[in-house]
mmCIF file of all heavy atoms, coordinates in Angstrom:
data_MODEL
# 
_entry.id   MODEL 
# 
loop_
_atom_site.group_PDB 
_atom_site.id 
_atom_site.type_symbol 
_atom_site.label_atom_id 
_atom_site.label_alt_id 
_atom_site.label_comp_id 
_atom_site.label_asym_id 
_atom_site.label_entity_id 
_atom_site.label_seq_id 
_atom_site.pdbx_PDB_ins_code 
_atom_site.Cartn_x 
_atom_site.Cartn_y 
_atom_site.Cartn_z 
_atom_site.occupancy 
_atom_site.B_iso_or_equiv 
_atom_site.pdbx_formal_charge 
_atom_site.auth_seq_id 
_atom_site.auth_comp_id 
_atom_site.auth_asym_id 
_atom_site.auth_atom_id 
_atom_site.pdbx_PDB_model_num 
ATOM 1   N N   . LEU A 1 1  ? -63.627 -44.505 61.531 1.00 0.00 ? 1  LEU A N   1 
ATOM 2   C CA  . LEU A 1 1  ? -63.275 -45.746 60.965 1.00 0.00 ? 1  LEU A CA  1 
ATOM 3   C C   . LEU A 1 1  ? -61.718 -45.863 60.784 1.00 0.00 ? 1  LEU A C   1 
ATOM 4   O O   . LEU A 1 1  ? -61.042 -44.815 60.851 1.00 0.00 ? 1  LEU A O   1 
ATOM 5   C CB  . LEU A 1 1  ? -63.945 -45.943 59.604 1.00 0.00 ? 1  LEU A CB  1 
ATOM 6   C CG  . LEU A 1 1  ? -65.353 -46.611 59.668 1.00 0.00 ? 1  LEU A CG  1 
ATOM 7   C CD1 . LEU A 1 1  ? -66.329 -45.836 60.605 1.00 0.00 ? 1  LEU A CD1 1 
ATOM 8   C CD2 . LEU A 1 1  ? -65.894 -46.676 58.240 1.00 0.00 ? 1  LEU A CD2 1 
ATOM 9   N N   . PRO A 1 2  ? -61.147 -47.036 60.500 1.00 0.00 ? 2  PRO A N   1 
ATOM 10  C CA  . PRO A 1 2  ? -59.702 -47.088 60.329 1.00 0.00 ? 2  PRO A CA  1 
ATOM 11  C C   . PRO A 1 2  ? -59.043 -46.187 59.366 1.00 0.00 ? 2  PRO A C   1 
ATOM 12  O O   . PRO A 1 2  ? -58.009 -45.674 59.623 1.00 0.00 ? 2  PRO A O   1 
ATOM 13  C CB  . PRO A 1 2  ? -59.564 -48.615 59.928 1.00 0.00 ? 2  PRO A CB  1 
ATOM 14  C CG  . PRO A 1 2  ? -60.695 -49.334 60.558 1.00 0.00 ? 2  PRO A CG  1 
ATOM 15  C CD  . PRO A 1 2  ? -61.848 -48.364 60.429 1.00 0.00 ? 2  PRO A CD  1 
ATOM 16  N N   . LEU A 1 3  ? -59.779 -45.928 58.274 1.00 0.00 ? 3  LEU A N   1 
ATOM 17  C CA  . LEU A 1 3  ? -59.150 -44.967 57.250 1.00 0.00 ? 3  LEU A CA  1 
ATOM 18  C C   . LEU A 1 3  ? -59.567 -43.519 57.444 1.00 0.00 ? 3  LEU A C   1 
ATOM 19  O O   . LEU A 1 3  ? -59.203 -42.704 56.632 1.00 0.00 ? 3  LEU A O   1 
ATOM 20  C CB  . LEU A 1 3  ? -59.556 -45.459 55.863 1.00 0.00 ? 3  LEU A CB  1 
ATOM 21  C CG  . LEU A 1 3  ? -58.950 -46.885 55.497 1.00 0.00 ? 3  LEU A CG  1 
ATOM 22  C CD1 . LEU A 1 3  ? -59.308 -47.167 54.013 1.00 0.00 ? 3  LEU A CD1 1 
ATOM 23  C CD2 . LEU A 1 3  ? -57.365 -46.839 55.636 1.00 0.00 ? 3  LEU A CD2 1 
ATOM 24  N N   . GLY A 1 4  ? -60.330 -43.226 58.495 1.00 0.00 ? 4  GLY A N   1 
ATOM 25  C CA  . GLY A 1 4  ? -60.576 -41.862 58.830 1.00 0.00 ? 4  GLY A CA  1 
ATOM 26  C C   . GLY A 1 4  ? -61.981 -41.361 58.625 1.00 0.00 ? 4  GLY A C   1 
ATOM 27  O O   . GLY A 1 4  ? -62.225 -40.177 58.984 1.00 0.00 ? 4  GLY A O   1 
ATOM 28  N N   . THR A 1 5  ? -62.847 -42.114 58.039 1.00 0.00 ? 5  THR A N   1 
ATOM 29  C CA  . THR A 1 5  ? -64.286 -41.676 57.882 1.00 0.00 ? 5  THR A CA  1 
ATOM 30  C C   . THR A 1 5  ? -64.872 -41.458 59.253 1.00 0.00 ? 5  THR A C   1 
ATOM 31  O O   . THR A 1 5  ? -64.690 -42.267 60.161 1.00 0.00 ? 5  THR A O   1 
ATOM 32  C CB  . THR A 1 5  ? -65.024 -42.687 57.093 1.00 0.00 ? 5  THR A CB  1 
ATOM 33  O OG1 . THR A 1 5  ? -64.498 -42.825 55.819 1.00 0.00 ? 5  THR A OG1 1 
ATOM 34  C CG2 . THR A 1 5  ? -66.480 -42.179 56.897 1.00 0.00 ? 5  THR A CG2 1 
ATOM 35  N N   . THR A 1 6  ? -65.594 -40.326 59.461 1.00 0.00 ? 6  THR A N   1 
ATOM 36  C CA  . THR A 1 6  ? -66.162 -39.939 60.753 1.00 0.00 ? 6  THR A CA  1 
ATOM 37  C C   . THR A 1 6  ? -67.688 -39.974 60.681 1.00 0.00 ? 6  THR A C   1 
ATOM 38  O O   . THR A 1 6  ? -68.267 -39.696 59.679 1.00 0.00 ? 6  THR A O   1 
ATOM 39  C CB  . THR A 1 6  ? -65.616 -38.685 61.242 1.00 0.00 ? 6  THR A CB  1 
ATOM 40  O OG1 . THR A 1 6  ? -65.944 -37.663 60.370 1.00 0.00 ? 6  THR A OG1 1 
ATOM 41  C CG2 . THR A 1 6  ? -64.130 -38.696 61.532 1.00 0.00 ? 6  THR A CG2 1 
ATOM 42  N N   . TYR A 1 7  ? -68.271 -40.273 61.812 1.00 0.00 ? 7  TYR A N   1 
ATOM 43  C CA  . TYR A 1 7  ? -69.740 -40.218 61.970 1.00 0.00 ? 7  TYR A CA  1 
ATOM 44  C C   . TYR A 1 7  ? -70.062 -39.533 63.296 1.00 0.00 ? 7  TYR A C   1 
ATOM 45  O O   . TYR A 1 7  ? -69.369 -39.764 64.301 1.00 0.00 ? 7  TYR A O   1 
ATOM 46  C CB  . TYR A 1 7  ? -70.338 -41.652 61.956 1.00 0.00 ? 7  TYR A CB  1 
ATOM 47  C CG  . TYR A 1 7  ? -70.105 -42.358 60.673 1.00 0.00 ? 7  TYR A CG  1 
ATOM 48  C CD1 . TYR A 1 7  ? -68.949 -43.222 60.547 1.00 0.00 ? 7  TYR A CD1 1 
ATOM 49  C CD2 . TYR A 1 7  ? -70.922 -42.258 59.607 1.00 0.00 ? 7  TYR A CD2 1 
ATOM 50  C CE1 . TYR A 1 7  ? -68.677 -43.862 59.357 1.00 0.00 ? 7  TYR A CE1 1 
ATOM 51  C CE2 . TYR A 1 7  ? -70.663 -42.933 58.363 1.00 0.00 ? 7  TYR A CE2 1 
ATOM 52  C CZ  . TYR A 1 7  ? -69.553 -43.701 58.271 1.00 0.00 ? 7  TYR A CZ  1 
ATOM 53  O OH  . TYR A 1 7  ? -69.320 -44.368 57.135 1.00 0.00 ? 7  TYR A OH  1 
ATOM 54  N N   . TYR A 1 8  ? -71.198 -38.815 63.359 1.00 0.00 ? 8  TYR A N   1 
ATOM 55  C CA  . TYR A 1 8  ? -71.570 -38.079 64.515 1.00 0.00 ? 8  TYR A CA  1 
ATOM 56  C C   . TYR A 1 8  ? -73.082 -38.249 64.788 1.00 0.00 ? 8  TYR A C   1 
ATOM 57  O O   . TYR A 1 8  ? -73.873 -38.334 63.844 1.00 0.00 ? 8  TYR A O   1 
ATOM 58  C CB  . TYR A 1 8  ? -71.268 -36.607 64.432 1.00 0.00 ? 8  TYR A CB  1 
ATOM 59  C CG  . TYR A 1 8  ? -69.843 -36.328 64.227 1.00 0.00 ? 8  TYR A CG  1 
ATOM 60  C CD1 . TYR A 1 8  ? -69.243 -36.277 62.973 1.00 0.00 ? 8  TYR A CD1 1 
ATOM 61  C CD2 . TYR A 1 8  ? -68.983 -36.176 65.358 1.00 0.00 ? 8  TYR A CD2 1 
ATOM 62  C CE1 . TYR A 1 8  ? -67.886 -35.938 62.818 1.00 0.00 ? 8  TYR A CE1 1 
ATOM 63  C CE2 . TYR A 1 8  ? -67.656 -35.916 65.198 1.00 0.00 ? 8  TYR A CE2 1 
ATOM 64  C CZ  . TYR A 1 8  ? -67.140 -35.813 63.964 1.00 0.00 ? 8  TYR A CZ  1 
ATOM 65  O OH  . TYR A 1 8  ? -65.741 -35.483 63.811 1.00 0.00 ? 8  TYR A OH  1 
ATOM 66  N N   . ALA A 1 9  ? -73.445 -38.261 66.066 1.00 0.00 ? 9  ALA A N   1 
ATOM 67  C CA  . ALA A 1 9  ? -74.874 -38.070 66.387 1.00 0.00 ? 9  ALA A CA  1 
ATOM 68  C C   . ALA A 1 9  ? -75.293 -36.716 66.093 1.00 0.00 ? 9  ALA A C   1 
ATOM 69  O O   . ALA A 1 9  ? -74.506 -35.754 66.088 1.00 0.00 ? 9  ALA A O   1 
ATOM 70  C CB  . ALA A 1 9  ? -75.001 -38.292 67.966 1.00 0.00 ? 9  ALA A CB  1 
ATOM 71  N N   . ASP A 1 10 ? -76.569 -36.592 65.696 1.00 0.00 ? 10 ASP A N   1 
ATOM 72  C CA  . ASP A 1 10 ? -77.124 -35.273 65.290 1.00 0.00 ? 10 ASP A CA  1 
ATOM 73  C C   . ASP A 1 10 ? -76.933 -34.193 66.410 1.00 0.00 ? 10 ASP A C   1 
ATOM 74  O O   . ASP A 1 10 ? -76.738 -33.004 66.097 1.00 0.00 ? 10 ASP A O   1 
ATOM 75  C CB  . ASP A 1 10 ? -78.614 -35.391 64.969 1.00 0.00 ? 10 ASP A CB  1 
ATOM 76  C CG  . ASP A 1 10 ? -78.831 -36.118 63.647 1.00 0.00 ? 10 ASP A CG  1 
ATOM 77  O OD1 . ASP A 1 10 ? -77.845 -36.189 62.778 1.00 0.00 ? 10 ASP A OD1 1 
ATOM 78  O OD2 . ASP A 1 10 ? -79.963 -36.552 63.382 1.00 0.00 ? 10 ASP A OD2 1 
ATOM 79  N N   . SER A 1 11 ? -77.036 -34.718 67.591 1.00 0.00 ? 11 SER A N   1 
ATOM 80  C CA  . SER A 1 11 ? -76.888 -33.724 68.761 1.00 0.00 ? 11 SER A CA  1 
ATOM 81  C C   . SER A 1 11 ? -75.580 -33.029 68.899 1.00 0.00 ? 11 SER A C   1 
ATOM 82  O O   . SER A 1 11 ? -75.470 -32.058 69.560 1.00 0.00 ? 11 SER A O   1 
ATOM 83  C CB  . SER A 1 11 ? -77.316 -34.471 70.006 1.00 0.00 ? 11 SER A CB  1 
ATOM 84  O OG  . SER A 1 11 ? -76.404 -35.520 70.312 1.00 0.00 ? 11 SER A OG  1 
ATOM 85  N N   . VAL A 1 12 ? -74.542 -33.622 68.277 1.00 0.00 ? 12 VAL A N   1 
ATOM 86  C CA  . VAL A 1 12 ? -73.191 -33.027 68.420 1.00 0.00 ? 12 VAL A CA  1 
ATOM 87  C C   . VAL A 1 12 ? -72.579 -32.579 67.100 1.00 0.00 ? 12 VAL A C   1 
ATOM 88  O O   . VAL A 1 12 ? -71.470 -32.029 67.173 1.00 0.00 ? 12 VAL A O   1 
ATOM 89  C CB  . VAL A 1 12 ? -72.297 -34.017 69.160 1.00 0.00 ? 12 VAL A CB  1 
ATOM 90  C CG1 . VAL A 1 12 ? -72.822 -34.516 70.455 1.00 0.00 ? 12 VAL A CG1 1 
ATOM 91  C CG2 . VAL A 1 12 ? -71.948 -35.206 68.255 1.00 0.00 ? 12 VAL A CG2 1 
ATOM 92  N N   . LYS A 1 13 ? -73.213 -32.761 66.021 1.00 0.00 ? 13 LYS A N   1 
ATOM 93  C CA  . LYS A 1 13 ? -72.607 -32.340 64.772 1.00 0.00 ? 13 LYS A CA  1 
ATOM 94  C C   . LYS A 1 13 ? -72.430 -30.856 64.709 1.00 0.00 ? 13 LYS A C   1 
ATOM 95  O O   . LYS A 1 13 ? -73.196 -30.034 65.204 1.00 0.00 ? 13 LYS A O   1 
ATOM 96  C CB  . LYS A 1 13 ? -73.611 -32.659 63.603 1.00 0.00 ? 13 LYS A CB  1 
ATOM 97  C CG  . LYS A 1 13 ? -73.658 -34.124 63.221 1.00 0.00 ? 13 LYS A CG  1 
ATOM 98  C CD  . LYS A 1 13 ? -74.614 -34.402 62.036 1.00 0.00 ? 13 LYS A CD  1 
ATOM 99  C CE  . LYS A 1 13 ? -74.634 -35.905 61.674 1.00 0.00 ? 13 LYS A CE  1 
ATOM 100 N NZ  . LYS A 1 13 ? -75.567 -36.157 60.549 1.00 0.00 ? 13 LYS A NZ  1 
ATOM 101 N N   . GLY A 1 14 ? -71.223 -30.509 64.211 1.00 0.00 ? 14 GLY A N   1 
ATOM 102 C CA  . GLY A 1 14 ? -70.837 -29.104 64.138 1.00 0.00 ? 14 GLY A CA  1 
ATOM 103 C C   . GLY A 1 14 ? -70.078 -28.594 65.437 1.00 0.00 ? 14 GLY A C   1 
ATOM 104 O O   . GLY A 1 14 ? -69.590 -27.469 65.447 1.00 0.00 ? 14 GLY A O   1 
ATOM 105 N N   . ARG A 1 15 ? -70.211 -29.403 66.509 1.00 0.00 ? 15 ARG A N   1 
ATOM 106 C CA  . ARG A 1 15 ? -69.624 -28.993 67.773 1.00 0.00 ? 15 ARG A CA  1 
ATOM 107 C C   . ARG A 1 15 ? -68.461 -29.886 68.181 1.00 0.00 ? 15 ARG A C   1 
ATOM 108 O O   . ARG A 1 15 ? -67.507 -29.457 68.787 1.00 0.00 ? 15 ARG A O   1 
ATOM 109 C CB  . ARG A 1 15 ? -70.626 -28.945 68.882 1.00 0.00 ? 15 ARG A CB  1 
ATOM 110 C CG  . ARG A 1 15 ? -71.771 -27.970 68.621 1.00 0.00 ? 15 ARG A CG  1 
ATOM 111 C CD  . ARG A 1 15 ? -72.722 -27.866 69.846 1.00 0.00 ? 15 ARG A CD  1 
ATOM 112 N NE  . ARG A 1 15 ? -73.338 -29.146 70.175 1.00 0.00 ? 15 ARG A NE  1 
ATOM 113 C CZ  . ARG A 1 15 ? -73.194 -29.727 71.398 1.00 0.00 ? 15 ARG A CZ  1 
ATOM 114 N NH1 . ARG A 1 15 ? -72.444 -29.172 72.328 1.00 0.00 ? 15 ARG A NH1 1 
ATOM 115 N NH2 . ARG A 1 15 ? -73.840 -30.848 71.604 1.00 0.00 ? 15 ARG A NH2 1 
ATOM 116 N N   . PHE A 1 16 ? -68.631 -31.186 67.928 1.00 0.00 ? 16 PHE A N   1 
ATOM 117 C CA  . PHE A 1 16 ? -67.593 -32.174 68.365 1.00 0.00 ? 16 PHE A CA  1 
ATOM 118 C C   . PHE A 1 16 ? -66.802 -32.634 67.086 1.00 0.00 ? 16 PHE A C   1 
ATOM 119 O O   . PHE A 1 16 ? -67.376 -32.796 66.020 1.00 0.00 ? 16 PHE A O   1 
ATOM 120 C CB  . PHE A 1 16 ? -68.219 -33.378 68.950 1.00 0.00 ? 16 PHE A CB  1 
ATOM 121 C CG  . PHE A 1 16 ? -68.873 -33.133 70.337 1.00 0.00 ? 16 PHE A CG  1 
ATOM 122 C CD1 . PHE A 1 16 ? -68.975 -31.873 70.867 1.00 0.00 ? 16 PHE A CD1 1 
ATOM 123 C CD2 . PHE A 1 16 ? -69.309 -34.195 71.132 1.00 0.00 ? 16 PHE A CD2 1 
ATOM 124 C CE1 . PHE A 1 16 ? -69.592 -31.649 72.118 1.00 0.00 ? 16 PHE A CE1 1 
ATOM 125 C CE2 . PHE A 1 16 ? -69.923 -34.020 72.301 1.00 0.00 ? 16 PHE A CE2 1 
ATOM 126 C CZ  . PHE A 1 16 ? -70.000 -32.726 72.855 1.00 0.00 ? 16 PHE A CZ  1 
ATOM 127 N N   . THR A 1 17 ? -65.595 -32.992 67.291 1.00 0.00 ? 17 THR A N   1 
ATOM 128 C CA  . THR A 1 17 ? -64.754 -33.579 66.213 1.00 0.00 ? 17 THR A CA  1 
ATOM 129 C C   . THR A 1 17 ? -63.959 -34.797 66.819 1.00 0.00 ? 17 THR A C   1 
ATOM 130 O O   . THR A 1 17 ? -63.262 -34.687 67.774 1.00 0.00 ? 17 THR A O   1 
ATOM 131 C CB  . THR A 1 17 ? -63.761 -32.551 65.664 1.00 0.00 ? 17 THR A CB  1 
ATOM 132 O OG1 . THR A 1 17 ? -64.450 -31.398 65.245 1.00 0.00 ? 17 THR A OG1 1 
ATOM 133 C CG2 . THR A 1 17 ? -62.937 -33.140 64.527 1.00 0.00 ? 17 THR A CG2 1 
ATOM 134 N N   . ILE A 1 18 ? -64.087 -35.907 66.142 1.00 0.00 ? 18 ILE A N   1 
ATOM 135 C CA  . ILE A 1 18 ? -63.338 -37.079 66.518 1.00 0.00 ? 18 ILE A CA  1 
ATOM 136 C C   . ILE A 1 18 ? -62.161 -37.235 65.560 1.00 0.00 ? 18 ILE A C   1 
ATOM 137 O O   . ILE A 1 18 ? -62.267 -36.947 64.383 1.00 0.00 ? 18 ILE A O   1 
ATOM 138 C CB  . ILE A 1 18 ? -64.264 -38.314 66.517 1.00 0.00 ? 18 ILE A CB  1 
ATOM 139 C CG1 . ILE A 1 18 ? -63.479 -39.522 67.043 1.00 0.00 ? 18 ILE A CG1 1 
ATOM 140 C CG2 . ILE A 1 18 ? -64.709 -38.631 65.088 1.00 0.00 ? 18 ILE A CG2 1 
ATOM 141 C CD1 . ILE A 1 18 ? -64.361 -40.791 67.274 1.00 0.00 ? 18 ILE A CD1 1 
ATOM 142 N N   . SER A 1 19 ? -61.029 -37.668 66.102 1.00 0.00 ? 19 SER A N   1 
ATOM 143 C CA  . SER A 1 19 ? -59.821 -37.816 65.301 1.00 0.00 ? 19 SER A CA  1 
ATOM 144 C C   . SER A 1 19 ? -58.982 -38.989 65.901 1.00 0.00 ? 19 SER A C   1 
ATOM 145 O O   . SER A 1 19 ? -59.263 -39.396 67.087 1.00 0.00 ? 19 SER A O   1 
ATOM 146 C CB  . SER A 1 19 ? -59.000 -36.543 65.135 1.00 0.00 ? 19 SER A CB  1 
ATOM 147 O OG  . SER A 1 19 ? -58.615 -36.139 66.384 1.00 0.00 ? 19 SER A OG  1 
ATOM 148 N N   . ARG A 1 20 ? -58.033 -39.411 65.204 1.00 0.00 ? 20 ARG A N   1 
ATOM 149 C CA  . ARG A 1 20 ? -57.134 -40.465 65.657 1.00 0.00 ? 20 ARG A CA  1 
ATOM 150 C C   . ARG A 1 20 ? -55.724 -40.253 65.212 1.00 0.00 ? 20 ARG A C   1 
ATOM 151 O O   . ARG A 1 20 ? -55.458 -39.739 64.159 1.00 0.00 ? 20 ARG A O   1 
ATOM 152 C CB  . ARG A 1 20 ? -57.690 -41.909 65.237 1.00 0.00 ? 20 ARG A CB  1 
ATOM 153 C CG  . ARG A 1 20 ? -57.536 -42.151 63.743 1.00 0.00 ? 20 ARG A CG  1 
ATOM 154 C CD  . ARG A 1 20 ? -58.365 -43.372 63.310 1.00 0.00 ? 20 ARG A CD  1 
ATOM 155 N NE  . ARG A 1 20 ? -57.874 -44.611 64.031 1.00 0.00 ? 20 ARG A NE  1 
ATOM 156 C CZ  . ARG A 1 20 ? -58.592 -45.689 64.153 1.00 0.00 ? 20 ARG A CZ  1 
ATOM 157 N NH1 . ARG A 1 20 ? -59.936 -45.735 63.688 1.00 0.00 ? 20 ARG A NH1 1 
ATOM 158 N NH2 . ARG A 1 20 ? -58.074 -46.755 64.776 1.00 0.00 ? 20 ARG A NH2 1 
ATOM 159 N N   . ASP A 1 21 ? -54.833 -40.742 66.096 1.00 0.00 ? 21 ASP A N   1 
ATOM 160 C CA  . ASP A 1 21 ? -53.402 -40.685 65.747 1.00 0.00 ? 21 ASP A CA  1 
ATOM 161 C C   . ASP A 1 21 ? -52.938 -42.151 65.961 1.00 0.00 ? 21 ASP A C   1 
ATOM 162 O O   . ASP A 1 21 ? -52.707 -42.622 67.046 1.00 0.00 ? 21 ASP A O   1 
ATOM 163 C CB  . ASP A 1 21 ? -52.626 -39.836 66.629 1.00 0.00 ? 21 ASP A CB  1 
ATOM 164 C CG  . ASP A 1 21 ? -51.203 -39.682 66.300 1.00 0.00 ? 21 ASP A CG  1 
ATOM 165 O OD1 . ASP A 1 21 ? -50.667 -40.550 65.610 1.00 0.00 ? 21 ASP A OD1 1 
ATOM 166 O OD2 . ASP A 1 21 ? -50.579 -38.618 66.703 1.00 0.00 ? 21 ASP A OD2 1 
ATOM 167 N N   . ASN A 1 22 ? -52.820 -42.871 64.843 1.00 0.00 ? 22 ASN A N   1 
ATOM 168 C CA  . ASN A 1 22 ? -52.469 -44.339 64.866 1.00 0.00 ? 22 ASN A CA  1 
ATOM 169 C C   . ASN A 1 22 ? -51.071 -44.536 65.441 1.00 0.00 ? 22 ASN A C   1 
ATOM 170 O O   . ASN A 1 22 ? -50.810 -45.556 66.070 1.00 0.00 ? 22 ASN A O   1 
ATOM 171 C CB  . ASN A 1 22 ? -52.669 -44.951 63.513 1.00 0.00 ? 22 ASN A CB  1 
ATOM 172 C CG  . ASN A 1 22 ? -54.104 -45.076 63.071 1.00 0.00 ? 22 ASN A CG  1 
ATOM 173 O OD1 . ASN A 1 22 ? -55.019 -45.029 63.955 1.00 0.00 ? 22 ASN A OD1 1 
ATOM 174 N ND2 . ASN A 1 22 ? -54.383 -45.156 61.797 1.00 0.00 ? 22 ASN A ND2 1 
ATOM 175 N N   . ALA A 1 23 ? -50.198 -43.561 65.126 1.00 0.00 ? 23 ALA A N   1 
ATOM 176 C CA  . ALA A 1 23 ? -48.838 -43.708 65.661 1.00 0.00 ? 23 ALA A CA  1 
ATOM 177 C C   . ALA A 1 23 ? -48.828 -43.700 67.204 1.00 0.00 ? 23 ALA A C   1 
ATOM 178 O O   . ALA A 1 23 ? -47.891 -44.188 67.781 1.00 0.00 ? 23 ALA A O   1 
ATOM 179 C CB  . ALA A 1 23 ? -47.935 -42.628 65.061 1.00 0.00 ? 23 ALA A CB  1 
ATOM 180 N N   . LYS A 1 24 ? -49.801 -43.034 67.820 1.00 0.00 ? 24 LYS A N   1 
ATOM 181 C CA  . LYS A 1 24 ? -49.843 -42.878 69.262 1.00 0.00 ? 24 LYS A CA  1 
ATOM 182 C C   . LYS A 1 24 ? -50.862 -43.832 69.849 1.00 0.00 ? 24 LYS A C   1 
ATOM 183 O O   . LYS A 1 24 ? -51.096 -43.821 71.126 1.00 0.00 ? 24 LYS A O   1 
ATOM 184 C CB  . LYS A 1 24 ? -50.118 -41.492 69.737 1.00 0.00 ? 24 LYS A CB  1 
ATOM 185 C CG  . LYS A 1 24 ? -49.041 -40.505 69.251 1.00 0.00 ? 24 LYS A CG  1 
ATOM 186 C CD  . LYS A 1 24 ? -49.369 -39.090 69.750 1.00 0.00 ? 24 LYS A CD  1 
ATOM 187 C CE  . LYS A 1 24 ? -48.248 -38.115 69.415 1.00 0.00 ? 24 LYS A CE  1 
ATOM 188 N NZ  . LYS A 1 24 ? -48.580 -36.726 69.812 1.00 0.00 ? 24 LYS A NZ  1 
ATOM 189 N N   . ASN A 1 25 ? -51.584 -44.651 69.060 1.00 0.00 ? 25 ASN A N   1 
ATOM 190 C CA  . ASN A 1 25 ? -52.683 -45.505 69.547 1.00 0.00 ? 25 ASN A CA  1 
ATOM 191 C C   . ASN A 1 25 ? -53.630 -44.632 70.370 1.00 0.00 ? 25 ASN A C   1 
ATOM 192 O O   . ASN A 1 25 ? -54.116 -45.125 71.415 1.00 0.00 ? 25 ASN A O   1 
ATOM 193 C CB  . ASN A 1 25 ? -52.054 -46.653 70.377 1.00 0.00 ? 25 ASN A CB  1 
ATOM 194 C CG  . ASN A 1 25 ? -51.672 -47.809 69.580 1.00 0.00 ? 25 ASN A CG  1 
ATOM 195 O OD1 . ASN A 1 25 ? -51.407 -47.747 68.382 1.00 0.00 ? 25 ASN A OD1 1 
ATOM 196 N ND2 . ASN A 1 25 ? -51.561 -48.984 70.226 1.00 0.00 ? 25 ASN A ND2 1 
ATOM 197 N N   . THR A 1 26 ? -54.089 -43.495 69.829 1.00 0.00 ? 26 THR A N   1 
ATOM 198 C CA  . THR A 1 26 ? -54.895 -42.614 70.595 1.00 0.00 ? 26 THR A CA  1 
ATOM 199 C C   . THR A 1 26 ? -56.007 -42.039 69.734 1.00 0.00 ? 26 THR A C   1 
ATOM 200 O O   . THR A 1 26 ? -55.795 -41.707 68.580 1.00 0.00 ? 26 THR A O   1 
ATOM 201 C CB  . THR A 1 26 ? -54.093 -41.427 71.240 1.00 0.00 ? 26 THR A CB  1 
ATOM 202 O OG1 . THR A 1 26 ? -53.053 -41.952 72.052 1.00 0.00 ? 26 THR A OG1 1 
ATOM 203 C CG2 . THR A 1 26 ? -54.996 -40.558 72.001 1.00 0.00 ? 26 THR A CG2 1 
ATOM 204 N N   . VAL A 1 27 ? -57.238 -41.963 70.280 1.00 0.00 ? 27 VAL A N   1 
ATOM 205 C CA  . VAL A 1 27 ? -58.353 -41.360 69.606 1.00 0.00 ? 27 VAL A CA  1 
ATOM 206 C C   . VAL A 1 27 ? -58.749 -40.155 70.475 1.00 0.00 ? 27 VAL A C   1 
ATOM 207 O O   . VAL A 1 27 ? -58.674 -40.200 71.735 1.00 0.00 ? 27 VAL A O   1 
ATOM 208 C CB  . VAL A 1 27 ? -59.499 -42.278 69.432 1.00 0.00 ? 27 VAL A CB  1 
ATOM 209 C CG1 . VAL A 1 27 ? -60.074 -42.823 70.738 1.00 0.00 ? 27 VAL A CG1 1 
ATOM 210 C CG2 . VAL A 1 27 ? -60.579 -41.655 68.601 1.00 0.00 ? 27 VAL A CG2 1 
ATOM 211 N N   . TYR A 1 28 ? -59.205 -39.036 69.897 1.00 0.00 ? 28 TYR A N   1 
ATOM 212 C CA  . TYR A 1 28 ? -59.562 -37.803 70.543 1.00 0.00 ? 28 TYR A CA  1 
ATOM 213 C C   . TYR A 1 28 ? -60.992 -37.450 70.282 1.00 0.00 ? 28 TYR A C   1 
ATOM 214 O O   . TYR A 1 28 ? -61.518 -37.841 69.265 1.00 0.00 ? 28 TYR A O   1 
ATOM 215 C CB  . TYR A 1 28 ? -58.638 -36.674 70.083 1.00 0.00 ? 28 TYR A CB  1 
ATOM 216 C CG  . TYR A 1 28 ? -57.167 -36.964 70.208 1.00 0.00 ? 28 TYR A CG  1 
ATOM 217 C CD1 . TYR A 1 28 ? -56.436 -37.486 69.169 1.00 0.00 ? 28 TYR A CD1 1 
ATOM 218 C CD2 . TYR A 1 28 ? -56.511 -36.719 71.430 1.00 0.00 ? 28 TYR A CD2 1 
ATOM 219 C CE1 . TYR A 1 28 ? -55.053 -37.716 69.292 1.00 0.00 ? 28 TYR A CE1 1 
ATOM 220 C CE2 . TYR A 1 28 ? -55.147 -37.024 71.537 1.00 0.00 ? 28 TYR A CE2 1 
ATOM 221 C CZ  . TYR A 1 28 ? -54.443 -37.511 70.454 1.00 0.00 ? 28 TYR A CZ  1 
ATOM 222 O OH  . TYR A 1 28 ? -53.136 -37.735 70.573 1.00 0.00 ? 28 TYR A OH  1 
ATOM 223 N N   . LEU A 1 29 ? -61.544 -36.725 71.173 1.00 0.00 ? 29 LEU A N   1 
ATOM 224 C CA  . LEU A 1 29 ? -62.874 -36.113 70.951 1.00 0.00 ? 29 LEU A CA  1 
ATOM 225 C C   . LEU A 1 29 ? -62.726 -34.615 71.363 1.00 0.00 ? 29 LEU A C   1 
ATOM 226 O O   . LEU A 1 29 ? -62.648 -34.320 72.590 1.00 0.00 ? 29 LEU A O   1 
ATOM 227 C CB  . LEU A 1 29 ? -63.965 -36.753 71.708 1.00 0.00 ? 29 LEU A CB  1 
ATOM 228 C CG  . LEU A 1 29 ? -65.372 -36.267 71.494 1.00 0.00 ? 29 LEU A CG  1 
ATOM 229 C CD1 . LEU A 1 29 ? -65.788 -36.606 70.026 1.00 0.00 ? 29 LEU A CD1 1 
ATOM 230 C CD2 . LEU A 1 29 ? -66.367 -36.846 72.457 1.00 0.00 ? 29 LEU A CD2 1 
# 
């Protein structure tokens, strides 16, 4: 979400991490 709250599918919890860098207009997985 815009303020940083994250959600994951059960199949990837604990393995994948989503993040964002608003200064770079970029989201990562």
